[in-house]
Protein backbone atom coordinates (compact mmCIF):
# COMPACT_ATOMS: atom_id res chain seq x y z
CA MET A 1 120.70 5.38 -32.48
CA SER A 2 117.81 4.58 -34.80
CA ASN A 3 114.17 4.94 -33.85
CA GLY A 4 113.92 1.14 -33.68
CA ASP A 5 116.84 0.96 -31.27
CA ARG A 6 115.28 3.69 -29.13
CA SER A 7 111.96 1.83 -29.00
CA THR A 8 113.67 -1.40 -28.07
CA ALA A 9 115.67 0.32 -25.32
CA TRP A 10 112.49 2.00 -23.99
CA ILE A 11 110.62 -1.32 -23.89
CA VAL A 12 113.52 -3.08 -22.18
CA GLY A 13 113.84 -0.25 -19.65
CA CYS A 14 110.13 -0.32 -18.85
CA SER A 15 110.23 -4.08 -18.49
CA ILE A 16 113.13 -3.91 -16.05
CA ALA A 17 111.42 -1.13 -14.07
CA GLY A 18 108.20 -3.17 -13.97
CA LEU A 19 110.07 -6.26 -12.81
CA LEU A 20 111.82 -4.27 -10.09
CA GLY A 21 108.47 -2.86 -9.03
CA VAL A 22 106.99 -6.35 -8.72
CA VAL A 23 110.01 -7.53 -6.74
CA VAL A 24 109.92 -4.52 -4.42
CA CYS A 25 106.16 -4.65 -3.93
CA GLY A 26 106.25 -8.40 -3.55
CA GLY A 27 109.02 -8.11 -0.99
CA GLY A 28 107.06 -5.45 0.88
CA LEU A 29 103.93 -7.59 0.89
CA ALA A 30 105.93 -10.56 2.13
CA ALA A 31 107.49 -8.51 4.91
CA THR A 32 104.07 -7.16 5.88
CA PHE A 33 102.64 -10.67 5.86
CA TRP A 34 105.38 -12.09 8.09
CA PHE A 35 105.15 -9.11 10.46
CA SER A 36 101.39 -9.62 10.74
CA MET A 37 101.88 -13.33 11.34
CA LYS A 38 104.45 -12.63 14.06
CA GLN A 39 102.07 -10.17 15.72
CA ALA A 40 99.25 -12.71 15.57
CA VAL A 41 101.44 -15.40 17.14
CA ASN A 42 102.48 -13.02 19.93
CA VAL A 43 98.86 -12.11 20.63
CA ALA A 44 97.87 -15.79 20.68
CA GLN A 45 100.73 -16.69 23.01
CA THR A 46 99.84 -13.83 25.36
CA ALA A 47 96.19 -14.87 25.38
CA GLN A 48 97.14 -18.47 26.09
CA ALA A 49 99.43 -17.44 28.95
CA GLU A 50 96.71 -15.25 30.46
CA MET A 51 94.21 -18.10 30.20
CA GLN A 52 96.63 -20.47 31.92
CA ASP A 53 97.16 -17.91 34.69
CA GLN A 54 93.41 -17.59 35.15
CA ILE A 55 92.95 -21.37 35.27
CA ARG A 56 95.72 -21.66 37.84
CA ALA A 57 94.31 -18.80 39.94
CA THR A 58 90.86 -20.39 39.88
CA GLY A 59 92.38 -23.74 40.89
CA PHE A 60 94.14 -22.08 43.82
CA ALA A 61 90.90 -20.43 44.96
CA SER A 62 89.01 -23.72 44.66
CA ALA A 63 91.55 -25.53 46.87
CA TRP A 64 91.86 -22.73 49.42
CA VAL A 65 90.15 -23.47 52.75
CA PRO A 66 88.99 -20.23 54.42
CA PRO A 67 89.49 -19.41 58.09
CA ARG A 68 86.67 -20.12 60.53
CA THR A 69 84.00 -17.45 60.57
CA ASP A 70 84.58 -17.17 64.33
CA ALA A 71 88.35 -16.79 63.95
CA ALA A 72 89.82 -14.96 66.92
CA ALA A 73 91.39 -11.55 66.58
CA GLY A 74 94.91 -11.87 65.24
CA GLU A 75 94.44 -15.23 63.51
CA MET A 76 94.32 -13.62 60.09
CA VAL A 77 97.77 -12.06 60.47
CA ALA A 78 100.68 -14.48 60.16
CA GLY A 79 103.85 -13.79 62.13
CA ALA A 80 106.04 -14.00 59.03
CA ILE A 81 105.64 -14.57 55.29
CA GLU A 82 108.92 -16.14 54.22
CA ALA A 83 111.38 -13.21 53.92
CA TRP A 84 108.76 -10.76 55.20
CA ARG A 85 108.50 -9.96 58.92
CA LEU A 86 105.43 -8.60 60.69
CA VAL A 87 106.14 -5.04 61.88
CA ASP A 88 102.66 -3.87 62.84
CA GLN A 89 99.28 -5.43 63.60
CA GLU A 90 95.93 -3.98 64.61
CA ALA A 91 92.18 -4.39 64.47
CA THR A 92 90.55 -2.05 61.97
CA THR A 93 87.05 -0.90 61.16
CA GLU A 94 87.69 0.71 57.79
CA LEU A 95 89.93 1.13 54.79
CA ILE A 96 89.15 4.70 53.82
CA ASP A 97 90.93 4.74 50.45
CA LEU A 98 88.71 1.92 49.20
CA GLY A 99 85.51 3.00 50.88
CA ILE A 100 85.41 -0.14 53.06
CA GLU A 101 83.71 0.23 56.43
CA ARG A 102 83.59 -3.01 58.43
CA ASP A 103 85.50 -4.79 61.15
CA GLY A 104 88.70 -6.46 60.08
CA GLU A 105 92.40 -6.88 60.72
CA ARG A 106 95.49 -5.19 59.33
CA GLY A 107 99.04 -6.48 59.28
CA ALA A 108 102.09 -4.63 57.95
CA TYR A 109 104.97 -6.73 56.61
CA GLN A 110 108.44 -5.53 55.72
CA SER A 111 111.21 -6.97 53.58
CA GLY A 112 114.19 -4.73 52.98
CA ALA A 113 112.85 -1.21 52.45
CA THR A 114 109.49 -2.42 51.13
CA VAL A 115 106.33 -2.52 53.23
CA MET A 116 103.18 -4.49 52.40
CA ASP A 117 99.89 -3.75 54.15
CA VAL A 118 97.42 -6.66 54.31
CA TYR A 119 93.78 -6.19 55.32
CA ALA A 120 91.36 -9.04 56.06
CA PHE A 121 87.58 -8.64 56.23
CA GLN A 122 84.68 -11.07 56.36
CA VAL A 123 82.43 -10.34 53.38
CA PRO A 124 79.43 -12.55 52.50
CA GLU A 125 79.14 -13.63 48.88
CA ALA A 126 75.98 -11.57 48.40
CA GLU A 127 77.90 -8.40 49.28
CA GLN A 128 81.21 -8.88 47.50
CA SER A 129 80.30 -7.44 44.07
CA GLU A 130 78.88 -4.28 45.60
CA LEU A 131 81.95 -3.92 47.82
CA PHE A 132 84.29 -4.13 44.80
CA ALA A 133 82.24 -1.43 43.08
CA GLN A 134 82.38 0.71 46.21
CA ALA A 135 86.14 0.20 46.42
CA ALA A 136 86.58 1.53 42.89
CA ASP A 137 84.28 4.48 43.62
CA GLY A 138 86.10 5.15 46.89
CA ILE A 139 89.33 6.05 45.16
CA ASP A 140 87.92 7.99 42.23
CA GLN A 141 89.40 11.03 43.97
CA PHE A 142 92.86 9.62 43.26
CA ASN A 143 94.67 9.06 39.98
CA PHE A 144 93.16 5.57 39.73
CA SER A 145 93.45 2.68 37.34
CA THR A 146 92.19 -0.89 37.33
CA ASN A 147 94.70 -3.25 35.75
CA TYR A 148 92.19 -6.10 35.68
CA SER A 149 89.04 -7.28 37.40
CA LEU A 150 87.84 -10.86 37.20
CA ASP A 151 85.02 -12.67 38.97
CA ASP A 152 85.11 -16.38 38.08
CA GLY A 153 82.33 -17.39 40.47
CA ILE A 154 84.79 -18.81 43.01
CA SER A 155 86.98 -15.80 43.61
CA HIS A 156 86.85 -12.15 42.65
CA ARG A 157 90.18 -10.47 41.91
CA MET A 158 90.99 -6.87 41.07
CA ALA A 159 94.36 -5.18 40.63
CA ILE A 160 94.51 -1.46 41.36
CA SER A 161 96.91 1.46 41.28
CA TYR A 162 96.31 4.94 42.61
CA SER A 163 98.11 8.05 43.84
CA PRO A 164 99.12 10.22 45.60
CA PRO A 165 100.99 8.70 47.27
CA SER A 166 101.71 5.84 44.91
CA HIS A 167 99.83 2.66 45.84
CA HIS A 168 99.71 -0.65 44.01
CA GLY A 169 97.63 -3.57 45.14
CA GLN A 170 95.02 -6.24 44.77
CA LEU A 171 91.63 -7.08 46.18
CA TRP A 172 90.97 -10.82 46.48
CA TRP A 173 87.64 -12.22 47.66
CA CYS A 174 86.98 -15.93 48.13
CA LYS A 175 84.57 -18.00 50.24
CA GLY A 176 83.39 -15.22 52.51
CA TRP A 177 86.71 -13.41 52.99
CA LEU A 178 88.15 -10.30 51.38
CA PHE A 179 91.88 -9.57 51.48
CA VAL A 180 93.43 -6.30 50.34
CA PHE A 181 97.15 -6.05 49.61
CA LEU A 182 98.71 -2.58 49.24
CA THR A 183 102.30 -1.44 48.71
CA GLU A 184 104.13 1.55 47.27
CA ASP A 185 106.53 -0.72 45.36
CA ASP A 186 105.26 -1.06 41.79
CA ALA A 187 107.85 -3.77 41.02
CA LEU A 188 106.61 -6.19 43.68
CA ASP A 189 105.15 -9.52 42.57
CA LEU A 190 101.78 -9.23 44.28
CA GLU A 191 100.51 -12.52 42.90
CA SER A 192 103.28 -14.47 44.61
CA PHE A 193 102.95 -12.58 47.88
CA ARG A 194 99.18 -13.04 47.93
CA GLU A 195 99.28 -16.78 47.31
CA THR A 196 102.11 -17.34 49.80
CA TYR A 197 100.24 -15.31 52.42
CA LEU A 198 96.97 -17.19 51.84
CA THR A 199 98.78 -20.52 51.92
CA THR A 200 100.43 -19.55 55.22
CA ILE A 201 97.23 -18.57 57.00
CA ALA A 202 95.50 -21.71 55.70
CA GLY A 203 97.74 -23.63 58.15
CA ALA A 204 96.81 -27.31 58.12
CA GLU A 205 95.42 -27.01 54.60
CA ARG A 206 98.72 -25.83 53.15
CA SER A 207 99.46 -29.15 51.44
CA ALA A 208 96.24 -28.92 49.45
CA LEU A 209 97.24 -25.50 48.16
CA GLU A 210 100.74 -26.64 47.28
CA GLU A 211 99.23 -29.35 45.08
CA VAL A 212 97.76 -26.66 42.82
CA GLY A 213 101.03 -24.75 42.73
CA ALA A 214 100.94 -21.93 45.25
CA ALA A 215 103.51 -19.47 43.97
CA PRO A 216 106.56 -19.23 46.28
CA LEU A 217 108.20 -15.91 46.92
CA GLY A 218 111.61 -17.51 46.84
CA ALA A 219 114.59 -16.57 48.97
CA GLY A 220 114.91 -12.97 47.83
CA SER A 221 113.81 -9.78 49.51
CA ALA A 222 111.22 -7.41 48.14
CA GLY A 223 113.70 -6.01 45.68
CA ALA A 224 114.14 -9.42 44.06
CA VAL A 225 110.51 -9.94 43.06
CA GLU A 226 108.86 -8.13 40.22
CA GLN A 227 105.64 -7.22 38.44
CA LEU A 228 102.28 -5.61 38.73
CA GLU A 229 100.70 -4.89 35.48
């Protein structure tokens, strides 16, 4: 092969290699671009879903009519919450794990093997923020995490998890009342239980809550519902 042929072959080879490099790099950039776009869409969809959940939760709180401030002992504990049956009920003066010390009521509900403890306390608006802070401080001794905390001016909601033993729950304050929901089942849909419970104790005002979409628990037992995260 002559020197001219070698030069031509070298130029052609370099050109092909360069073209392949452009194609490979271009393909990589395109893949990176589409992956980034997909991630951005997922983030936007998640943010939109969370915003819709917050709007719905605020609408529920706005429509909820609280019990009378002079409600008699036992009125805050419903006899049954759909598939859940009341297995224990008592007056209480504290919830030690959360650092709460005030008069209230406790009801224990069971569905299948799962138990849900519900606490009800009267808490004036001026005291609720401090009480939430005290609740978080009260379980610093445990392996504690706050999944979310949101005060929208109408209701104050906080999801918590701590151990040992394993506890998962929510604090929900609205219109002078604080409710605490605690269970050891981390797969339980606490949002649905909470709204169904609050709708049930609202009694005559249930229709108003249903208009804003109070979440039903459905026909299943505790094992059929899911979520807390």
